[in-house]
Amino acid sequence: MAKACRDSSGRTGRDHKDISRYGRELEPHVFTKYYKFAVVRNPWDRLVSDYNNQKKKGSQADHSLFIHDERGNKRSFNEWLEAVLSDPFCCEPTQWGADVSQGIHRWSPQVDWISINGKIAVDRVLRMENLQRDFAELGCILGLPSRELPCYNWRSHRHYSILPQRINAEVSGKVLREGYRDFWVSL
């Protein structure tokens, strides 16, 4: 997001929270009454995007999000992926703008972010790759006027399937297990 959106409570759109966190913060009758939706993206594209974002903002002095190795060299995507998945809880949530429930980390499967006690707790899941269409459908459900979504911080990068290096099977398994593939394919 290029600009942070403020809601009525003064929070910005850069605050990353999982649905369980909102469930604990809001009064139960309010949480239940709200129509809740989430936007998810292809798990590989999500990781490629995060890698590119970290490359853009990372400095050699900042190893917290793994873009540089111990010698200060930029990691390839494969090296970065192996590093982040080998110790996903190494970064405190405040380091990446989050206030999340225990057990959630930056690279947790998206299904974990939108579930409470193992059950998806949002009324609708929108896909980033079809966001305009999915948002229009959501607007119809909620009786909202149709509108074009603004596009902030959109960066095109090569499709994840043509990464320059091969991703090893062990790393691929880490990305796709724990509901990534089952959740993504079922949408």
Protein backbone atom coordinates (compact mmCIF):
# COMPACT_ATOMS: atom_id res chain seq x y z
CA MET A 1 0.00 0.00 0.00
CA ALA A 2 1.45 3.33 -0.96
CA LYS A 3 -0.90 5.18 1.33
CA ALA A 4 -2.19 3.98 4.63
CA CYS A 5 -5.97 4.12 5.02
CA ARG A 6 -7.37 5.18 8.36
CA ASP A 7 -10.55 3.70 9.74
CA SER A 8 -12.83 5.28 12.33
CA SER A 9 -10.62 4.04 15.17
CA GLY A 10 -7.54 5.76 13.75
CA ARG A 11 -5.76 2.55 12.76
CA THR A 12 -3.92 2.54 9.49
CA GLY A 13 -4.15 0.01 6.67
CA ARG A 14 -0.54 -0.93 7.40
CA ASP A 15 -1.53 -2.64 10.63
CA HIS A 16 -1.34 -6.36 9.94
CA LYS A 17 -3.68 -8.39 12.14
CA ASP A 18 -5.13 -11.84 11.87
CA ILE A 19 -8.87 -12.44 12.28
CA SER A 20 -8.40 -13.95 15.75
CA ARG A 21 -6.83 -10.71 16.90
CA TYR A 22 -9.83 -8.71 15.68
CA GLY A 23 -12.11 -11.24 17.33
CA ARG A 24 -10.45 -10.57 20.68
CA GLU A 25 -10.34 -6.78 20.28
CA LEU A 26 -13.94 -6.22 19.23
CA GLU A 27 -17.00 -6.77 21.35
CA PRO A 28 -18.43 -10.21 20.46
CA HIS A 29 -21.75 -8.77 19.22
CA VAL A 30 -19.85 -6.30 16.99
CA PHE A 31 -17.48 -8.93 15.61
CA THR A 32 -20.35 -11.29 14.83
CA LYS A 33 -22.40 -8.54 13.20
CA TYR A 34 -19.65 -7.29 10.87
CA TYR A 35 -19.42 -8.72 7.38
CA LYS A 36 -15.82 -9.90 7.20
CA PHE A 37 -13.80 -10.46 4.07
CA ALA A 38 -10.15 -11.05 3.28
CA VAL A 39 -7.97 -10.70 0.22
CA VAL A 40 -5.53 -13.54 -0.43
CA ARG A 41 -3.06 -14.10 -3.20
CA ASN A 42 -1.32 -17.00 -4.81
CA PRO A 43 1.16 -18.25 -2.17
CA TRP A 44 4.14 -18.23 -4.53
CA ASP A 45 3.30 -14.77 -5.87
CA ARG A 46 2.95 -13.55 -2.29
CA LEU A 47 6.48 -14.74 -1.48
CA VAL A 48 7.99 -13.37 -4.70
CA SER A 49 6.34 -10.03 -3.99
CA ASP A 50 7.67 -9.97 -0.43
CA TYR A 51 11.17 -10.86 -1.64
CA ASN A 52 11.09 -8.01 -4.16
CA ASN A 53 9.76 -5.63 -1.51
CA GLN A 54 12.53 -6.60 0.90
CA LYS A 55 15.16 -6.14 -1.83
CA LYS A 56 13.80 -2.68 -2.51
CA LYS A 57 13.92 -1.49 1.09
CA GLY A 58 16.61 -3.67 2.66
CA SER A 59 20.00 -2.34 3.68
CA GLN A 60 23.08 -4.33 4.61
CA ALA A 61 22.67 -3.25 8.23
CA ASP A 62 19.18 -4.72 8.37
CA HIS A 63 19.26 -8.53 8.41
CA SER A 64 15.88 -8.85 10.11
CA LEU A 65 13.99 -9.86 7.00
CA PHE A 66 16.75 -12.00 5.51
CA ILE A 67 17.46 -10.12 2.30
CA HIS A 68 21.18 -10.10 3.10
CA ASP A 69 23.26 -13.02 4.23
CA GLU A 70 25.79 -12.96 7.09
CA ARG A 71 28.40 -11.38 4.80
CA GLY A 72 26.03 -8.60 3.65
CA ASN A 73 25.42 -10.06 0.19
CA LYS A 74 21.92 -10.01 -1.29
CA ARG A 75 20.36 -13.44 -1.32
CA SER A 76 18.82 -15.01 -4.38
CA PHE A 77 15.13 -15.78 -4.13
CA ASN A 78 15.86 -19.44 -3.37
CA GLU A 79 18.37 -18.55 -0.64
CA TRP A 80 15.96 -16.00 0.84
CA LEU A 81 13.08 -18.48 0.80
CA GLU A 82 15.15 -21.12 2.57
CA ALA A 83 16.21 -18.54 5.19
CA VAL A 84 12.72 -17.20 5.95
CA LEU A 85 11.15 -20.62 6.14
CA SER A 86 13.93 -22.06 8.30
CA ASP A 87 13.16 -19.60 11.13
CA PRO A 88 9.87 -17.79 10.42
CA PHE A 89 9.40 -16.62 14.02
CA CYS A 90 12.80 -14.90 14.24
CA CYS A 91 11.29 -11.48 13.49
CA GLU A 92 9.11 -9.81 16.06
CA PRO A 93 5.75 -8.83 14.53
CA THR A 94 6.43 -5.17 15.31
CA GLN A 95 9.46 -5.36 12.99
CA TRP A 96 7.12 -5.85 10.05
CA GLY A 97 4.13 -3.78 11.20
CA ALA A 98 1.98 -6.45 12.79
CA ASP A 99 -0.02 -7.13 15.92
CA VAL A 100 -0.85 -10.80 15.49
CA SER A 101 -1.95 -13.78 17.53
CA GLN A 102 0.52 -16.28 18.91
CA GLY A 103 1.52 -18.79 16.25
CA ILE A 104 1.13 -16.36 13.34
CA HIS A 105 4.24 -15.17 11.54
CA ARG A 106 4.84 -13.03 8.48
CA TRP A 107 4.91 -16.03 6.17
CA SER A 108 2.15 -18.08 7.81
CA PRO A 109 -0.28 -19.65 5.36
CA GLN A 110 -3.03 -17.16 4.56
CA VAL A 111 -5.66 -19.61 5.78
CA ASP A 112 -4.16 -19.24 9.27
CA TRP A 113 -4.57 -15.46 9.09
CA ILE A 114 -8.30 -15.74 8.37
CA SER A 115 -9.20 -18.68 10.64
CA ILE A 116 -10.24 -19.00 14.26
CA ASN A 117 -9.70 -22.40 15.87
CA GLY A 118 -9.05 -23.95 12.48
CA LYS A 119 -12.23 -22.65 10.80
CA ILE A 120 -12.27 -19.86 8.22
CA ALA A 121 -13.87 -16.94 10.03
CA VAL A 122 -14.53 -14.51 7.20
CA ASP A 123 -17.70 -14.35 5.16
CA ARG A 124 -15.95 -13.98 1.83
CA VAL A 125 -12.45 -14.53 0.45
CA LEU A 126 -11.33 -12.39 -2.48
CA ARG A 127 -8.35 -13.27 -4.65
CA MET A 128 -5.76 -10.61 -5.41
CA GLU A 129 -5.43 -11.92 -8.96
CA ASN A 130 -9.16 -11.25 -9.54
CA LEU A 131 -9.56 -8.38 -7.12
CA GLN A 132 -11.61 -6.00 -9.27
CA ARG A 133 -14.08 -8.73 -10.23
CA ASP A 134 -14.27 -10.19 -6.72
CA PHE A 135 -14.68 -6.74 -5.19
CA ALA A 136 -17.52 -5.96 -7.62
CA GLU A 137 -19.25 -9.20 -6.58
CA LEU A 138 -18.77 -8.28 -2.92
CA GLY A 139 -20.28 -4.85 -3.63
CA CYS A 140 -23.36 -6.51 -5.14
CA ILE A 141 -23.75 -8.75 -2.08
CA LEU A 142 -23.49 -5.75 0.25
CA GLY A 143 -25.58 -3.44 -1.94
CA LEU A 144 -22.72 -1.04 -2.55
CA PRO A 145 -22.26 1.00 -5.73
CA SER A 146 -19.81 -0.32 -8.28
CA ARG A 147 -16.45 1.42 -8.40
CA GLU A 148 -13.00 0.99 -9.84
CA LEU A 149 -10.45 0.07 -7.19
CA PRO A 150 -7.39 2.29 -7.00
CA CYS A 151 -4.09 0.52 -7.50
CA TYR A 152 -1.31 1.43 -5.06
CA ASN A 153 2.13 -0.02 -4.82
CA TRP A 154 1.51 -2.40 -7.69
CA ARG A 155 4.73 -3.71 -9.02
CA SER A 156 4.97 -6.08 -11.85
CA HIS A 157 7.51 -8.84 -11.60
CA ARG A 158 8.09 -11.98 -13.53
CA HIS A 159 5.61 -14.73 -12.87
CA TYR A 160 6.76 -16.98 -10.05
CA SER A 161 6.70 -20.03 -12.33
CA ILE A 162 9.68 -18.76 -14.35
CA LEU A 163 12.03 -18.01 -11.49
CA PRO A 164 15.63 -18.11 -12.70
CA GLN A 165 16.64 -20.86 -10.31
CA ARG A 166 14.94 -24.10 -9.43
CA ILE A 167 13.27 -24.28 -6.04
CA ASN A 168 14.19 -27.46 -4.25
CA ALA A 169 11.48 -29.93 -3.31
CA GLU A 170 11.94 -29.45 0.44
CA VAL A 171 11.37 -25.68 0.20
CA SER A 172 8.43 -26.19 -2.17
CA GLY A 173 6.86 -28.55 0.35
CA LYS A 174 7.20 -25.98 3.13
CA VAL A 175 5.40 -23.38 1.02
CA LEU A 176 2.61 -25.66 -0.11
CA ARG A 177 1.90 -27.63 3.07
CA GLU A 178 -0.33 -26.63 5.98
CA GLY A 179 -3.24 -25.70 3.79
CA TYR A 180 -1.55 -23.47 1.24
CA ARG A 181 -2.37 -25.59 -1.76
CA ASP A 182 -5.63 -27.06 -0.46
CA PHE A 183 -6.89 -23.62 0.57
CA TRP A 184 -5.74 -21.91 -2.61
CA VAL A 185 -7.11 -24.53 -4.98
CA SER A 186 -10.48 -24.61 -3.23
CA LEU A 187 -11.18 -20.90 -3.85
